[in-house]
Amino acid sequence: MVSRCGGRQVARLGLSILNQVSLGDLVADSAEHYVETALALANDANRLRCLRTTMRARLLQSPLMEHAGFTRELEASYREVWRRWCTGR
């Protein structure tokens, strides 16, 4: 997948995901760069083959699939928000 990064949070989702699987080079910052990146990838049969065979493992080994750690951090954030609310800080 090639993604175009923009100024809004939703337009940066592809950047976030691709960076987590070490594919940040597939993120473009303009329409022209997007087309260049997509064409380069489409014309690179070896890379496409490699991506097809390794993408599942890349994703499974990425922080995106670290559910337990994410949940621990989220719970810690909730506790901190609650503590601040209770103490007025």
PDB file of N, CA and C in Angstrom:
ATOM      1  N   MET A   1       0.844  -1.162   0.000  1.00  0.00           N
ATOM      2  CA  MET A   1       0.000   0.000   0.000  1.00  0.00           C
ATOM      3  C   MET A   1       0.891   1.225   0.000  1.00  0.00           C
ATOM      4  N   VAL A   2       0.511   2.205  -0.763  1.00  0.00           N
ATOM      5  CA  VAL A   2       1.170   3.499  -0.767  1.00  0.00           C
ATOM      6  C   VAL A   2       0.187   4.468  -0.128  1.00  0.00           C
ATOM      7  N   SER A   3       0.681   5.378   0.675  1.00  0.00           N
ATOM      8  CA  SER A   3      -0.188   6.305   1.383  1.00  0.00           C
ATOM      9  C   SER A   3       0.292   7.730   1.176  1.00  0.00           C
ATOM     10  N   ARG A   4      -0.637   8.647   1.157  1.00  0.00           N
ATOM     11  CA  ARG A   4      -0.301  10.063   1.083  1.00  0.00           C
ATOM     12  C   ARG A   4      -0.588  10.693   2.434  1.00  0.00           C
ATOM     13  N   CYS A   5       0.410  11.322   2.986  1.00  0.00           N
ATOM     14  CA  CYS A   5       0.301  11.944   4.300  1.00  0.00           C
ATOM     15  C   CYS A   5      -0.229  13.365   4.147  1.00  0.00           C
ATOM     16  N   GLY A   6      -1.163  13.725   4.990  1.00  0.00           N
ATOM     17  CA  GLY A   6      -1.728  15.063   4.957  1.00  0.00           C
ATOM     18  C   GLY A   6      -1.669  15.723   6.319  1.00  0.00           C
ATOM     19  N   GLY A   7      -2.352  16.846   6.451  1.00  0.00           N
ATOM     20  CA  GLY A   7      -2.295  17.635   7.665  1.00  0.00           C
ATOM     21  C   GLY A   7      -3.226  17.175   8.773  1.00  0.00           C
ATOM     22  N   ARG A   8      -4.288  16.496   8.447  1.00  0.00           N
ATOM     23  CA  ARG A   8      -5.249  16.034   9.456  1.00  0.00           C
ATOM     24  C   ARG A   8      -4.858  14.672  10.004  1.00  0.00           C
ATOM     25  N   GLN A   9      -5.373  14.368  11.176  1.00  0.00           N
ATOM     26  CA  GLN A   9      -5.040  13.096  11.824  1.00  0.00           C
ATOM     27  C   GLN A   9      -5.398  11.919  10.931  1.00  0.00           C
ATOM     28  N   VAL A  10      -6.568  11.943  10.344  1.00  0.00           N
ATOM     29  CA  VAL A  10      -7.006  10.831   9.503  1.00  0.00           C
ATOM     30  C   VAL A  10      -6.098  10.688   8.283  1.00  0.00           C
ATOM     31  N   ALA A  11      -5.527  11.780   7.826  1.00  0.00           N
ATOM     32  CA  ALA A  11      -4.646  11.755   6.661  1.00  0.00           C
ATOM     33  C   ALA A  11      -3.232  11.310   7.032  1.00  0.00           C
ATOM     34  N   ARG A  12      -2.999  11.054   8.308  1.00  0.00           N
ATOM     35  CA  ARG A  12      -1.685  10.600   8.764  1.00  0.00           C
ATOM     36  C   ARG A  12      -1.720   9.144   9.244  1.00  0.00           C
ATOM     37  N   LEU A  13      -2.871   8.521   9.142  1.00  0.00           N
ATOM     38  CA  LEU A  13      -3.028   7.142   9.592  1.00  0.00           C
ATOM     39  C   LEU A  13      -2.132   6.183   8.805  1.00  0.00           C
ATOM     40  N   GLY A  14      -2.099   6.342   7.493  1.00  0.00           N
ATOM     41  CA  GLY A  14      -1.241   5.484   6.666  1.00  0.00           C
ATOM     42  C   GLY A  14       0.219   5.620   7.060  1.00  0.00           C
ATOM     43  N   LEU A  15       0.648   6.843   7.349  1.00  0.00           N
ATOM     44  CA  LEU A  15       2.023   7.085   7.791  1.00  0.00           C
ATOM     45  C   LEU A  15       2.304   6.301   9.065  1.00  0.00           C
ATOM     46  N   SER A  16       1.395   6.382  10.010  1.00  0.00           N
ATOM     47  CA  SER A  16       1.569   5.696  11.283  1.00  0.00           C
ATOM     48  C   SER A  16       1.664   4.182  11.088  1.00  0.00           C
ATOM     49  N   ILE A  17       0.756   3.622  10.330  1.00  0.00           N
ATOM     50  CA  ILE A  17       0.743   2.176  10.114  1.00  0.00           C
ATOM     51  C   ILE A  17       1.990   1.723   9.359  1.00  0.00           C
ATOM     52  N   LEU A  18       2.319   2.410   8.274  1.00  0.00           N
ATOM     53  CA  LEU A  18       3.471   1.993   7.481  1.00  0.00           C
ATOM     54  C   LEU A  18       4.779   2.134   8.249  1.00  0.00           C
ATOM     55  N   ASN A  19       4.892   3.146   9.076  1.00  0.00           N
ATOM     56  CA  ASN A  19       6.097   3.275   9.895  1.00  0.00           C
ATOM     57  C   ASN A  19       6.226   2.114  10.873  1.00  0.00           C
ATOM     58  N   GLN A  20       5.119   1.630  11.404  1.00  0.00           N
ATOM     59  CA  GLN A  20       5.153   0.533  12.370  1.00  0.00           C
ATOM     60  C   GLN A  20       5.606  -0.787  11.748  1.00  0.00           C
ATOM     61  N   VAL A  21       5.477  -0.919  10.434  1.00  0.00           N
ATOM     62  CA  VAL A  21       5.921  -2.137   9.750  1.00  0.00           C
ATOM     63  C   VAL A  21       7.148  -1.862   8.874  1.00  0.00           C
ATOM     64  N   SER A  22       7.867  -0.789   9.213  1.00  0.00           N
ATOM     65  CA  SER A  22       9.123  -0.418   8.536  1.00  0.00           C
ATOM     66  C   SER A  22       8.959  -0.195   7.033  1.00  0.00           C
ATOM     67  N   LEU A  23       7.861   0.439   6.660  1.00  0.00           N
ATOM     68  CA  LEU A  23       7.623   0.749   5.256  1.00  0.00           C
ATOM     69  C   LEU A  23       7.330   2.240   5.059  1.00  0.00           C
ATOM     70  N   GLY A  24       7.969   3.064   5.862  1.00  0.00           N
ATOM     71  CA  GLY A  24       7.758   4.504   5.774  1.00  0.00           C
ATOM     72  C   GLY A  24       8.119   5.098   4.426  1.00  0.00           C
ATOM     73  N   ASP A  25       8.937   4.396   3.660  1.00  0.00           N
ATOM     74  CA  ASP A  25       9.299   4.897   2.333  1.00  0.00           C
ATOM     75  C   ASP A  25       8.134   4.845   1.350  1.00  0.00           C
ATOM     76  N   LEU A  26       7.040   4.198   1.732  1.00  0.00           N
ATOM     77  CA  LEU A  26       5.858   4.137   0.877  1.00  0.00           C
ATOM     78  C   LEU A  26       4.853   5.243   1.201  1.00  0.00           C
ATOM     79  N   VAL A  27       5.278   6.228   1.963  1.00  0.00           N
ATOM     80  CA  VAL A  27       4.427   7.366   2.312  1.00  0.00           C
ATOM     81  C   VAL A  27       4.880   8.573   1.492  1.00  0.00           C
ATOM     82  N   ALA A  28       3.927   9.205   0.842  1.00  0.00           N
ATOM     83  CA  ALA A  28       4.210  10.369   0.006  1.00  0.00           C
ATOM     84  C   ALA A  28       3.660  11.629   0.662  1.00  0.00           C
ATOM     85  N   ASP A  29       4.319  12.748   0.404  1.00  0.00           N
ATOM     86  CA  ASP A  29       3.874  14.009   1.004  1.00  0.00           C
ATOM     87  C   ASP A  29       3.214  14.951  -0.004  1.00  0.00           C
ATOM     88  N   SER A  30       3.040  14.485  -1.241  1.00  0.00           N
ATOM     89  CA  SER A  30       2.358  15.289  -2.259  1.00  0.00           C
ATOM     90  C   SER A  30       1.734  14.347  -3.277  1.00  0.00           C
ATOM     91  N   ALA A  31       0.859  14.881  -4.103  1.00  0.00           N
ATOM     92  CA  ALA A  31       0.226  14.061  -5.141  1.00  0.00           C
ATOM     93  C   ALA A  31       1.270  13.544  -6.125  1.00  0.00           C
ATOM     94  N   GLU A  32       2.212  14.387  -6.477  1.00  0.00           N
ATOM     95  CA  GLU A  32       3.258  13.976  -7.419  1.00  0.00           C
ATOM     96  C   GLU A  32       4.125  12.864  -6.829  1.00  0.00           C
ATOM     97  N   HIS A  33       4.502  13.029  -5.578  1.00  0.00           N
ATOM     98  CA  HIS A  33       5.322  12.018  -4.901  1.00  0.00           C
ATOM     99  C   HIS A  33       4.543  10.716  -4.758  1.00  0.00           C
ATOM    100  N   TYR A  34       3.246  10.802  -4.525  1.00  0.00           N
ATOM    101  CA  TYR A  34       2.404   9.609  -4.417  1.00  0.00           C
ATOM    102  C   TYR A  34       2.450   8.814  -5.721  1.00  0.00           C
ATOM    103  N   VAL A  35       2.279   9.504  -6.837  1.00  0.00           N
ATOM    104  CA  VAL A  35       2.295   8.842  -8.145  1.00  0.00           C
ATOM    105  C   VAL A  35       3.669   8.217  -8.400  1.00  0.00           C
ATOM    106  N   GLU A  36       4.723   8.951  -8.107  1.00  0.00           N
ATOM    107  CA  GLU A  36       6.087   8.424  -8.283  1.00  0.00           C
ATOM    108  C   GLU A  36       6.307   7.174  -7.433  1.00  0.00           C
ATOM    109  N   THR A  37       5.884   7.233  -6.190  1.00  0.00           N
ATOM    110  CA  THR A  37       6.067   6.109  -5.268  1.00  0.00           C
ATOM    111  C   THR A  37       5.264   4.901  -5.717  1.00  0.00           C
ATOM    112  N   ALA A  38       4.024   5.120  -6.105  1.00  0.00           N
ATOM    113  CA  ALA A  38       3.160   4.026  -6.556  1.00  0.00           C
ATOM    114  C   ALA A  38       3.709   3.392  -7.831  1.00  0.00           C
ATOM    115  N   LEU A  39       4.166   4.210  -8.782  1.00  0.00           N
ATOM    116  CA  LEU A  39       4.730   3.670 -10.018  1.00  0.00           C
ATOM    117  C   LEU A  39       6.012   2.889  -9.753  1.00  0.00           C
ATOM    118  N   ALA A  40       6.862   3.416  -8.892  1.00  0.00           N
ATOM    119  CA  ALA A  40       8.102   2.716  -8.569  1.00  0.00           C
ATOM    120  C   ALA A  40       7.803   1.356  -7.938  1.00  0.00           C
ATOM    121  N   LEU A  41       6.847   1.317  -7.028  1.00  0.00           N
ATOM    122  CA  LEU A  41       6.483   0.053  -6.396  1.00  0.00           C
ATOM    123  C   LEU A  41       5.860  -0.899  -7.412  1.00  0.00           C
ATOM    124  N   ALA A  42       4.964  -0.406  -8.240  1.00  0.00           N
ATOM    125  CA  ALA A  42       4.303  -1.248  -9.243  1.00  0.00           C
ATOM    126  C   ALA A  42       5.303  -1.851 -10.222  1.00  0.00           C
ATOM    127  N   ASN A  43       6.386  -1.150 -10.475  1.00  0.00           N
ATOM    128  CA  ASN A  43       7.390  -1.617 -11.424  1.00  0.00           C
ATOM    129  C   ASN A  43       8.507  -2.435 -10.782  1.00  0.00           C
ATOM    130  N   ASP A  44       8.428  -2.680  -9.494  1.00  0.00           N
ATOM    131  CA  ASP A  44       9.453  -3.438  -8.776  1.00  0.00           C
ATOM    132  C   ASP A  44       8.884  -4.804  -8.380  1.00  0.00           C
ATOM    133  N   ALA A  45       8.919  -5.736  -9.333  1.00  0.00           N
ATOM    134  CA  ALA A  45       8.326  -7.062  -9.120  1.00  0.00           C
ATOM    135  C   ALA A  45       8.958  -7.784  -7.935  1.00  0.00           C
ATOM    136  N   ASN A  46      10.261  -7.651  -7.762  1.00  0.00           N
ATOM    137  CA  ASN A  46      10.922  -8.329  -6.644  1.00  0.00           C
ATOM    138  C   ASN A  46      10.427  -7.809  -5.306  1.00  0.00           C
ATOM    139  N   ARG A  47      10.298  -6.491  -5.194  1.00  0.00           N
ATOM    140  CA  ARG A  47       9.825  -5.927  -3.925  1.00  0.00           C
ATOM    141  C   ARG A  47       8.377  -6.324  -3.661  1.00  0.00           C
ATOM    142  N   LEU A  48       7.548  -6.278  -4.689  1.00  0.00           N
ATOM    143  CA  LEU A  48       6.151  -6.685  -4.517  1.00  0.00           C
ATOM    144  C   LEU A  48       6.061  -8.135  -4.056  1.00  0.00           C
ATOM    145  N   ARG A  49       6.864  -8.999  -4.645  1.00  0.00           N
ATOM    146  CA  ARG A  49       6.869 -10.413  -4.256  1.00  0.00           C
ATOM    147  C   ARG A  49       7.295 -10.547  -2.787  1.00  0.00           C
ATOM    148  N   CYS A  50       8.336  -9.814  -2.430  1.00  0.00           N
ATOM    149  CA  CYS A  50       8.824  -9.852  -1.045  1.00  0.00           C
ATOM    150  C   CYS A  50       7.756  -9.337  -0.077  1.00  0.00           C
ATOM    151  N   LEU A  51       7.109  -8.239  -0.423  1.00  0.00           N
ATOM    152  CA  LEU A  51       6.070  -7.685   0.442  1.00  0.00           C
ATOM    153  C   LEU A  51       4.913  -8.669   0.608  1.00  0.00           C
ATOM    154  N   ARG A  52       4.534  -9.310  -0.478  1.00  0.00           N
ATOM    155  CA  ARG A  52       3.429 -10.276  -0.402  1.00  0.00           C
ATOM    156  C   ARG A  52       3.755 -11.435   0.532  1.00  0.00           C
ATOM    157  N   THR A  53       5.009 -11.863   0.516  1.00  0.00           N
ATOM    158  CA  THR A  53       5.367 -13.021   1.333  1.00  0.00           C
ATOM    159  C   THR A  53       5.721 -12.659   2.771  1.00  0.00           C
ATOM    160  N   THR A  54       6.028 -11.398   3.036  1.00  0.00           N
ATOM    161  CA  THR A  54       6.459 -11.025   4.392  1.00  0.00           C
ATOM    162  C   THR A  54       5.482 -10.126   5.149  1.00  0.00           C
ATOM    163  N   MET A  55       4.448  -9.642   4.487  1.00  0.00           N
ATOM    164  CA  MET A  55       3.576  -8.646   5.111  1.00  0.00           C
ATOM    165  C   MET A  55       2.880  -9.171   6.365  1.00  0.00           C
ATOM    166  N   ARG A  56       2.393 -10.395   6.316  1.00  0.00           N
ATOM    167  CA  ARG A  56       1.700 -10.947   7.495  1.00  0.00           C
ATOM    168  C   ARG A  56       2.659 -10.998   8.691  1.00  0.00           C
ATOM    169  N   ALA A  57       3.874 -11.483   8.468  1.00  0.00           N
ATOM    170  CA  ALA A  57       4.850 -11.561   9.555  1.00  0.00           C
ATOM    171  C   ALA A  57       5.243 -10.171  10.038  1.00  0.00           C
ATOM    172  N   ARG A  58       5.416  -9.237   9.116  1.00  0.00           N
ATOM    173  CA  ARG A  58       5.746  -7.853   9.503  1.00  0.00           C
ATOM    174  C   ARG A  58       4.687  -7.301  10.448  1.00  0.00           C
ATOM    175  N   LEU A  59       3.445  -7.489  10.062  1.00  0.00           N
ATOM    176  CA  LEU A  59       2.346  -6.968  10.871  1.00  0.00           C
ATOM    177  C   LEU A  59       2.283  -7.658  12.225  1.00  0.00           C
ATOM    178  N   LEU A  60       2.396  -8.974  12.234  1.00  0.00           N
ATOM    179  CA  LEU A  60       2.318  -9.714  13.497  1.00  0.00           C
ATOM    180  C   LEU A  60       3.453  -9.357  14.448  1.00  0.00           C
ATOM    181  N   GLN A  61       4.609  -9.002  13.918  1.00  0.00           N
ATOM    182  CA  GLN A  61       5.762  -8.659  14.751  1.00  0.00           C
ATOM    183  C   GLN A  61       5.812  -7.180  15.107  1.00  0.00           C
ATOM    184  N   SER A  62       4.899  -6.401  14.599  1.00  0.00           N
ATOM    185  CA  SER A  62       4.923  -4.956  14.820  1.00  0.00           C
ATOM    186  C   SER A  62       4.242  -4.581  16.139  1.00  0.00           C
ATOM    187  N   PRO A  63       4.509  -3.378  16.616  1.00  0.00           N
ATOM    188  CA  PRO A  63       3.832  -2.885  17.824  1.00  0.00           C
ATOM    189  C   PRO A  63       2.309  -2.799  17.658  1.00  0.00           C
ATOM    190  N   LEU A  64       1.836  -2.772  16.406  1.00  0.00           N
ATOM    191  CA  LEU A  64       0.391  -2.703  16.173  1.00  0.00           C
ATOM    192  C   LEU A  64      -0.341  -3.907  16.753  1.00  0.00           C
ATOM    193  N   MET A  65       0.344  -5.027  16.865  1.00  0.00           N
ATOM    194  CA  MET A  65      -0.286  -6.252  17.355  1.00  0.00           C
ATOM    195  C   MET A  65       0.037  -6.531  18.819  1.00  0.00           C
ATOM    196  N   GLU A  66       0.665  -5.595  19.477  1.00  0.00           N
ATOM    197  CA  GLU A  66       1.041  -5.757  20.887  1.00  0.00           C
ATOM    198  C   GLU A  66      -0.132  -5.298  21.759  1.00  0.00           C
ATOM    199  N   HIS A  67      -1.190  -6.091  21.753  1.00  0.00           N
ATOM    200  CA  HIS A  67      -2.428  -5.728  22.441  1.00  0.00           C
ATOM    201  C   HIS A  67      -2.258  -5.551  23.947  1.00  0.00           C
ATOM    202  N   ALA A  68      -1.535  -6.447  24.560  1.00  0.00           N
ATOM    203  CA  ALA A  68      -1.382  -6.388  26.020  1.00  0.00           C
ATOM    204  C   ALA A  68      -0.648  -5.113  26.434  1.00  0.00           C
ATOM    205  N   GLY A  69       0.432  -4.794  25.737  1.00  0.00           N
ATOM    206  CA  GLY A  69       1.181  -3.579  26.058  1.00  0.00           C
ATOM    207  C   GLY A  69       0.367  -2.332  25.818  1.00  0.00           C
ATOM    208  N   PHE A  70      -0.368  -2.308  24.714  1.00  0.00           N
ATOM    209  CA  PHE A  70      -1.225  -1.169  24.415  1.00  0.00           C
ATOM    210  C   PHE A  70      -2.265  -0.989  25.515  1.00  0.00           C
ATOM    211  N   THR A  71      -2.868  -2.098  25.932  1.00  0.00           N
ATOM    212  CA  THR A  71      -3.896  -2.033  26.971  1.00  0.00           C
ATOM    213  C   THR A  71      -3.316  -1.537  28.290  1.00  0.00           C
ATOM    214  N   ARG A  72      -2.119  -2.013  28.644  1.00  0.00           N
ATOM    215  CA  ARG A  72      -1.465  -1.542  29.877  1.00  0.00           C
ATOM    216  C   ARG A  72      -1.239  -0.026  29.818  1.00  0.00           C
ATOM    217  N   GLU A  73      -0.750   0.460  28.688  1.00  0.00           N
ATOM    218  CA  GLU A  73      -0.503   1.901  28.552  1.00  0.00           C
ATOM    219  C   GLU A  73      -1.801   2.692  28.591  1.00  0.00           C
ATOM    220  N   LEU A  74      -2.838   2.177  27.960  1.00  0.00           N
ATOM    221  CA  LEU A  74      -4.131   2.847  27.971  1.00  0.00           C
ATOM    222  C   LEU A  74      -4.697   2.899  29.391  1.00  0.00           C
ATOM    223  N   GLU A  75      -4.620   1.795  30.107  1.00  0.00           N
ATOM    224  CA  GLU A  75      -5.101   1.758  31.491  1.00  0.00           C
ATOM    225  C   GLU A  75      -4.314   2.726  32.370  1.00  0.00           C
ATOM    226  N   ALA A  76      -3.006   2.796  32.167  1.00  0.00           N
ATOM    227  CA  ALA A  76      -2.177   3.732  32.945  1.00  0.00           C
ATOM    228  C   ALA A  76      -2.582   5.165  32.638  1.00  0.00           C
ATOM    229  N   SER A  77      -2.908   5.450  31.395  1.00  0.00           N
ATOM    230  CA  SER A  77      -3.363   6.792  31.031  1.00  0.00           C
ATOM    231  C   SER A  77      -4.692   7.117  31.697  1.00  0.00           C
ATOM    232  N   TYR A  78      -5.595   6.155  31.703  1.00  0.00           N
ATOM    233  CA  TYR A  78      -6.884   6.357  32.378  1.00  0.00           C
ATOM    234  C   TYR A  78      -6.677   6.640  33.865  1.00  0.00           C
ATOM    235  N   ARG A  79      -5.790   5.855  34.501  1.00  0.00           N
ATOM    236  CA  ARG A  79      -5.519   6.067  35.926  1.00  0.00           C
ATOM    237  C   ARG A  79      -4.954   7.462  36.176  1.00  0.00           C
ATOM    238  N   GLU A  80      -4.066   7.918  35.300  1.00  0.00           N
ATOM    239  CA  GLU A  80      -3.470   9.238  35.464  1.00  0.00           C
ATOM    240  C   GLU A  80      -4.509  10.340  35.286  1.00  0.00           C
ATOM    241  N   VAL A  81      -5.386  10.202  34.321  1.00  0.00           N
ATOM    242  CA  VAL A  81      -6.454  11.187  34.125  1.00  0.00           C
ATOM    243  C   VAL A  81      -7.357  11.209  35.353  1.00  0.00           C
ATOM    244  N   TRP A  82      -7.716  10.040  35.857  1.00  0.00           N
ATOM    245  CA  TRP A  82      -8.569   9.940  37.042  1.00  0.00           C
ATOM    246  C   TRP A  82      -7.878  10.561  38.257  1.00  0.00           C
ATOM    247  N   ARG A  83      -6.595  10.268  38.432  1.00  0.00           N
ATOM    248  CA  ARG A  83      -5.844  10.829  39.559  1.00  0.00           C
ATOM    249  C   ARG A  83      -5.825  12.350  39.479  1.00  0.00           C
ATOM    250  N   ARG A  84      -5.588  12.890  38.310  1.00  0.00           N
ATOM    251  CA  ARG A  84      -5.556  14.348  38.142  1.00  0.00           C
ATOM    252  C   ARG A  84      -6.919  14.964  38.419  1.00  0.00           C
ATOM    253  N   TRP A  85      -7.966  14.285  37.970  1.00  0.00           N
ATOM    254  CA  TRP A  85      -9.305  14.814  38.188  1.00  0.00           C
ATOM    255  C   TRP A  85      -9.632  14.807  39.682  1.00  0.00           C
ATOM    256  N   CYS A  86      -9.250  13.730  40.359  1.00  0.00           N
ATOM    257  CA  CYS A  86      -9.547  13.604  41.787  1.00  0.00           C
ATOM    258  C   CYS A  86      -8.753  14.607  42.634  1.00  0.00           C
ATOM    259  N   THR A  87      -7.559  14.932  42.221  1.00  0.00           N
ATOM    260  CA  THR A  87      -6.713  15.849  43.006  1.00  0.00           C
ATOM    261  C   THR A  87      -6.825  17.289  42.521  1.00  0.00           C
ATOM    262  N   GLY A  88      -7.545  17.495  41.441  1.00  0.00           N
ATOM    263  CA  GLY A  88      -7.714  18.855  40.927  1.00  0.00           C
ATOM    264  C   GLY A  88      -6.494  19.395  40.191  1.00  0.00           C
ATOM    265  N   ARG A  89      -5.583  18.522  39.816  1.00  0.00           N
ATOM    266  CA  ARG A  89      -4.390  18.956  39.065  1.00  0.00           C
ATOM    267  C   ARG A  89      -4.435  18.527  37.646  1.00  0.00           C
TER     268      ARG A  89
END
